[in-house]
């Protein structure tokens, strides 16, 4: 195989992979404009499903709950997970290994086991009188459940970055007059911020997407995945296609804007470096 054939094969392989990943999304977006409810025949173009979506209180309520739940649980899980990571990092090597292995169990544990075990815990708490006459299940159990399965992801995102930091940075900040609080917020935290942001975004995605754990711990509340599941018992409305298309476009726009901002910052930084080198050469 010559070089030209190898390049053609590589490009064909890449195109097939991207088609495999994005063709289903393209089909979903196309059928969100379908005039009929058919999922196999495109009968005509319409925007009625998008209009109907913004008047469907059940879907909008479920979406609002999912977004608020994801935001609150992700913030709390990121804070708790970051603090836990700092605590784990201060332990001995052997203890760190044990705690990290224990923390990894919820990640590989099937979600149905986590969901059922949390449900049983909340039922036990309810039997002890927590929650009053209305019961404990609802917003509190959903929030606790989402924080529980998100914290390990924060630990395993922030932990490696924290271990890569030079241990002398903190001590150097103290020697230069910082208080322990100032040393953490002005020296350590900025170094960890990319990993913390990455962990937060992962938590946000998993929380919005979660069905199994939410299903067992939601009580009468419906997140978006649960609302969609309830529709599958009859037939999924094309309004869900419209909602999915809107969410995909919003996420795509955020990614493109973020990449554009990063590229602009990189070009600006490179221009400043070249300008500084030119000024240094002129001297």
Protein backbone atom coordinates (compact mmCIF):
# COMPACT_ATOMS: atom_id res chain seq x y z
CA UNK A 1 0.00 0.00 0.00
CA UNK A 2 1.49 3.32 -1.10
CA UNK A 3 1.26 6.62 0.77
CA UNK A 4 -1.66 7.96 -1.31
CA UNK A 5 -3.77 4.85 -0.69
CA UNK A 6 -2.96 5.02 3.03
CA UNK A 7 -4.14 8.64 3.21
CA UNK A 8 -7.37 7.78 1.34
CA UNK A 9 -8.01 4.84 3.70
CA UNK A 10 -7.42 7.02 6.77
CA UNK A 11 -9.78 9.72 5.54
CA UNK A 12 -12.45 7.15 4.62
CA UNK A 13 -12.16 5.62 8.08
CA UNK A 14 -12.52 9.04 9.76
CA UNK A 15 -15.56 9.90 7.61
CA UNK A 16 -17.23 6.58 8.49
CA UNK A 17 -16.59 7.12 12.20
CA UNK A 18 -18.09 10.63 12.11
CA UNK A 19 -21.07 9.36 10.10
CA UNK A 20 -21.63 6.62 12.70
CA UNK A 21 -21.58 9.21 15.51
CA UNK A 22 -23.54 12.07 13.94
CA UNK A 23 -25.87 10.51 11.35
CA UNK A 24 -28.45 9.47 14.02
CA UNK A 25 -28.46 13.04 15.36
CA UNK A 26 -28.91 14.40 11.83
CA UNK A 27 -31.87 12.05 11.27
CA UNK A 28 -33.42 13.12 14.59
CA UNK A 29 -33.08 16.81 13.70
CA UNK A 30 -34.56 16.18 10.24
CA UNK A 31 -37.60 14.39 11.70
CA UNK A 32 -38.13 17.22 14.18
CA UNK A 33 -39.36 19.14 11.10
CA UNK A 34 -41.57 16.28 9.88
CA UNK A 35 -45.17 17.28 9.30
CA UNK A 36 -46.55 13.97 10.62
CA UNK A 37 -45.74 11.94 13.73
CA UNK A 38 -44.21 9.18 11.61
CA UNK A 39 -40.69 8.11 12.55
CA UNK A 40 -40.06 6.44 9.19
CA UNK A 41 -41.66 8.62 6.50
CA UNK A 42 -40.93 12.30 5.97
CA UNK A 43 -44.23 13.74 4.76
CA UNK A 44 -43.41 17.46 4.70
CA UNK A 45 -41.64 20.36 6.40
CA UNK A 46 -43.17 22.11 9.42
CA UNK A 47 -42.21 24.10 12.51
CA UNK A 48 -45.33 23.07 14.42
CA UNK A 49 -43.47 20.71 16.75
CA UNK A 50 -41.18 23.53 17.87
CA UNK A 51 -44.19 25.77 18.51
CA UNK A 52 -45.93 22.96 20.39
CA UNK A 53 -42.77 22.29 22.43
CA UNK A 54 -42.78 25.77 23.97
CA UNK A 55 -46.41 25.31 25.02
CA UNK A 56 -45.97 21.83 26.53
CA UNK A 57 -45.90 22.46 30.28
CA UNK A 58 -44.99 18.86 31.14
CA UNK A 59 -41.83 18.81 29.01
CA UNK A 60 -40.78 22.34 30.00
CA UNK A 61 -41.33 21.55 33.68
CA UNK A 62 -39.25 18.36 33.40
CA UNK A 63 -36.52 20.24 31.52
CA UNK A 64 -36.46 23.01 34.12
CA UNK A 65 -36.20 20.50 36.95
CA UNK A 66 -33.36 18.65 35.19
CA UNK A 67 -31.40 21.84 34.55
CA UNK A 68 -31.80 23.22 38.09
CA UNK A 69 -31.05 19.82 39.63
CA UNK A 70 -27.98 19.37 37.41
CA UNK A 71 -26.65 22.85 38.19
CA UNK A 72 -27.13 22.67 41.97
CA UNK A 73 -25.90 19.08 42.33
CA UNK A 74 -22.88 19.73 40.08
CA UNK A 75 -21.83 22.80 42.06
CA UNK A 76 -22.17 20.99 45.40
CA UNK A 77 -20.51 17.82 44.10
CA UNK A 78 -17.61 19.84 42.66
CA UNK A 79 -17.05 21.64 45.96
CA UNK A 80 -17.30 18.46 48.04
CA UNK A 81 -15.20 16.44 45.60
CA UNK A 82 -12.46 19.08 45.45
CA UNK A 83 -12.28 19.31 49.24
CA UNK A 84 -12.24 15.51 49.44
CA UNK A 85 -9.40 15.38 46.91
CA UNK A 86 -7.33 17.83 48.96
CA UNK A 87 -7.97 15.75 52.07
CA UNK A 88 -7.03 12.51 50.29
CA UNK A 89 -3.85 14.10 48.94
CA UNK A 90 -2.70 14.88 52.49
CA UNK A 91 -2.92 11.20 53.51
CA UNK A 92 -0.16 8.64 53.38
CA UNK A 93 0.48 6.80 50.12
CA UNK A 94 -1.09 3.57 51.37
CA UNK A 95 -4.19 5.31 52.73
CA UNK A 96 -4.57 7.25 49.47
CA UNK A 97 -4.57 4.01 47.50
CA UNK A 98 -7.25 2.49 49.74
CA UNK A 99 -9.50 5.58 49.68
CA UNK A 100 -9.12 6.02 45.90
CA UNK A 101 -10.08 2.39 45.31
CA UNK A 102 -13.15 2.83 47.53
CA UNK A 103 -14.04 6.05 45.68
CA UNK A 104 -13.76 4.25 42.34
CA UNK A 105 -16.41 1.64 43.24
CA UNK A 106 -19.44 3.93 42.54
CA UNK A 107 -18.00 4.73 39.09
CA UNK A 108 -17.86 1.08 37.94
CA UNK A 109 -20.90 0.02 39.97
CA UNK A 110 -24.02 -0.56 37.79
CA UNK A 111 -26.38 2.39 38.12
CA UNK A 112 -29.32 0.18 39.01
CA UNK A 113 -27.47 -1.03 42.13
CA UNK A 114 -26.68 2.55 43.16
CA UNK A 115 -30.25 3.65 42.50
CA UNK A 116 -31.86 0.80 44.44
CA UNK A 117 -29.42 1.07 47.36
CA UNK A 118 -30.04 4.81 47.71
CA UNK A 119 -33.78 4.20 47.52
CA UNK A 120 -33.57 1.64 50.35
CA UNK A 121 -31.51 4.10 52.41
CA UNK A 122 -34.13 6.82 51.92
CA UNK A 123 -36.96 4.38 52.74
CA UNK A 124 -35.16 3.52 55.99
CA UNK A 125 -34.76 7.22 56.78
CA UNK A 126 -38.45 7.76 56.03
CA UNK A 127 -39.37 4.92 58.40
CA UNK A 128 -37.52 6.80 61.15
CA UNK A 129 -39.85 9.75 60.63
CA UNK A 130 -37.79 11.96 58.29
CA UNK A 131 -39.76 13.87 55.70
CA UNK A 132 -42.96 14.25 57.68
CA UNK A 133 -46.36 13.22 56.33
CA UNK A 134 -45.38 13.95 52.74
CA UNK A 135 -42.46 11.51 52.82
CA UNK A 136 -38.82 12.11 52.10
CA UNK A 137 -38.86 11.33 48.37
CA UNK A 138 -38.71 14.28 46.00
CA UNK A 139 -36.24 17.14 45.59
CA UNK A 140 -34.06 16.25 48.64
CA UNK A 141 -33.59 12.61 47.60
CA UNK A 142 -32.92 13.57 43.97
CA UNK A 143 -30.32 16.14 45.02
CA UNK A 144 -28.55 13.76 47.43
CA UNK A 145 -28.57 10.95 44.84
CA UNK A 146 -27.07 13.15 42.10
CA UNK A 147 -24.39 14.52 44.43
CA UNK A 148 -23.54 10.97 45.50
CA UNK A 149 -22.83 9.64 42.00
CA UNK A 150 -21.09 12.85 40.87
CA UNK A 151 -18.52 13.22 43.68
CA UNK A 152 -16.30 10.29 42.53
CA UNK A 153 -15.97 11.85 39.05
CA UNK A 154 -14.72 15.07 40.66
CA UNK A 155 -12.19 13.16 42.76
CA UNK A 156 -10.80 11.34 39.73
CA UNK A 157 -10.60 14.52 37.64
CA UNK A 158 -9.06 16.85 40.22
CA UNK A 159 -6.88 14.24 41.99
CA UNK A 160 -4.30 13.67 39.19
CA UNK A 161 -3.90 17.42 38.64
CA UNK A 162 -3.36 18.01 42.36
CA UNK A 163 -0.73 15.27 42.54
CA UNK A 164 1.13 16.89 39.62
CA UNK A 165 1.52 20.19 41.46
CA UNK A 166 4.86 21.05 43.02
CA UNK A 167 4.38 20.59 46.81
CA UNK A 168 6.73 23.50 47.45
CA UNK A 169 4.29 26.00 45.87
CA UNK A 170 2.10 26.09 48.95
CA UNK A 171 5.07 26.38 51.32
CA UNK A 172 6.62 29.09 49.16
CA UNK A 173 3.40 31.11 49.33
CA UNK A 174 3.43 30.81 53.13
CA UNK A 175 7.07 31.88 53.26
CA UNK A 176 6.23 34.96 51.18
CA UNK A 177 3.64 36.09 53.70
CA UNK A 178 0.41 34.44 52.60
CA UNK A 179 -1.95 33.01 55.16
CA UNK A 180 -2.96 29.36 54.59
CA UNK A 181 -6.28 30.59 53.18
CA UNK A 182 -4.59 33.03 50.79
CA UNK A 183 -2.08 30.38 49.71
CA UNK A 184 -4.91 28.01 48.81
CA UNK A 185 -7.15 30.49 46.98
CA UNK A 186 -4.39 32.46 45.21
CA UNK A 187 -1.85 29.72 44.46
CA UNK A 188 -3.34 26.21 44.59
CA UNK A 189 -6.90 26.85 43.40
CA UNK A 190 -5.91 28.68 40.15
CA UNK A 191 -3.66 25.72 39.28
CA UNK A 192 -6.58 23.33 39.80
CA UNK A 193 -9.23 25.44 38.05
CA UNK A 194 -9.04 23.68 34.62
CA UNK A 195 -9.52 20.26 36.26
CA UNK A 196 -12.29 21.61 38.50
CA UNK A 197 -14.11 23.13 35.51
CA UNK A 198 -13.76 19.86 33.60
CA UNK A 199 -15.15 17.93 36.57
CA UNK A 200 -18.06 20.37 36.88
CA UNK A 201 -18.99 19.95 33.19
CA UNK A 202 -18.83 16.16 33.49
CA UNK A 203 -21.11 16.27 36.54
CA UNK A 204 -23.50 18.60 34.71
CA UNK A 205 -23.70 16.26 31.72
CA UNK A 206 -24.18 13.09 33.77
CA UNK A 207 -26.79 14.74 35.97
CA UNK A 208 -28.92 15.95 33.04
CA UNK A 209 -28.58 12.56 31.34
CA UNK A 210 -29.22 10.32 34.36
CA UNK A 211 -32.31 8.14 34.31
CA UNK A 212 -31.78 4.99 36.39
CA UNK A 213 -30.75 6.58 39.73
CA UNK A 214 -33.29 9.40 39.34
CA UNK A 215 -36.09 6.94 38.56
CA UNK A 216 -35.72 5.14 41.90
CA UNK A 217 -35.30 8.30 43.99
CA UNK A 218 -37.52 10.94 42.39
CA UNK A 219 -40.81 10.18 44.12
CA UNK A 220 -43.52 11.99 42.14
CA UNK A 221 -41.09 14.41 40.47
CA UNK A 222 -40.15 13.93 36.82
CA UNK A 223 -36.80 14.82 35.35
CA UNK A 224 -36.50 15.05 31.56
CA UNK A 225 -35.26 11.44 31.07
CA UNK A 226 -38.10 10.12 33.25
CA UNK A 227 -40.65 12.21 31.33
CA UNK A 228 -39.34 10.84 28.02
CA UNK A 229 -39.47 7.29 29.41
CA UNK A 230 -43.09 7.78 30.43
CA UNK A 231 -43.87 8.76 26.82
CA UNK A 232 -42.33 5.57 25.41
CA UNK A 233 -45.17 3.56 26.93
CA UNK A 234 -47.36 5.06 24.24
CA UNK A 235 -45.38 6.91 21.56
CA UNK A 236 -42.60 9.46 21.78
CA UNK A 237 -43.88 12.82 20.58
CA UNK A 238 -41.95 14.64 17.83
CA UNK A 239 -41.73 17.46 20.39
CA UNK A 240 -38.92 15.43 21.99
CA UNK A 241 -37.09 15.48 18.64
CA UNK A 242 -37.48 19.25 18.61
CA UNK A 243 -36.25 19.57 22.19
CA UNK A 244 -33.25 17.32 21.47
CA UNK A 245 -32.41 19.37 18.38
CA UNK A 246 -32.53 22.61 20.39
CA UNK A 247 -30.32 21.14 23.15
CA UNK A 248 -27.83 19.81 20.58
CA UNK A 249 -27.59 23.19 18.83
CA UNK A 250 -27.13 25.03 22.15
CA UNK A 251 -24.35 22.65 23.22
CA UNK A 252 -22.71 22.90 19.78
CA UNK A 253 -22.84 26.70 19.95
CA UNK A 254 -21.23 26.68 23.42
CA UNK A 255 -18.43 24.41 22.17
CA UNK A 256 -17.79 26.55 19.08
CA UNK A 257 -17.78 29.79 21.10
CA UNK A 258 -15.43 28.25 23.68
CA UNK A 259 -13.04 27.01 20.97
CA UNK A 260 -13.15 30.37 19.23
CA UNK A 261 -12.34 32.16 22.49
CA UNK A 262 -9.45 29.76 23.17
CA UNK A 263 -8.10 30.24 19.64
CA UNK A 264 -8.35 34.01 19.96
CA UNK A 265 -6.54 33.95 23.30
CA UNK A 266 -3.83 31.69 21.83
CA UNK A 267 -3.30 33.97 18.81
CA UNK A 268 -3.19 37.01 21.08
CA UNK A 269 -0.63 35.31 23.30
CA UNK A 270 1.51 34.29 20.32
CA UNK A 271 1.36 37.84 18.92
CA UNK A 272 2.50 39.23 22.27
CA UNK A 273 5.38 36.74 22.41
CA UNK A 274 6.53 37.62 18.86
CA UNK A 275 6.28 41.33 19.63
CA UNK A 276 8.34 40.89 22.79
CA UNK A 277 10.96 38.89 20.87
CA UNK A 278 11.15 41.57 18.19
CA UNK A 279 11.59 44.31 20.80
CA UNK A 280 14.29 42.24 22.50
CA UNK A 281 16.05 41.72 19.15
CA UNK A 282 15.90 45.42 18.36
CA UNK A 283 17.80 46.15 21.57
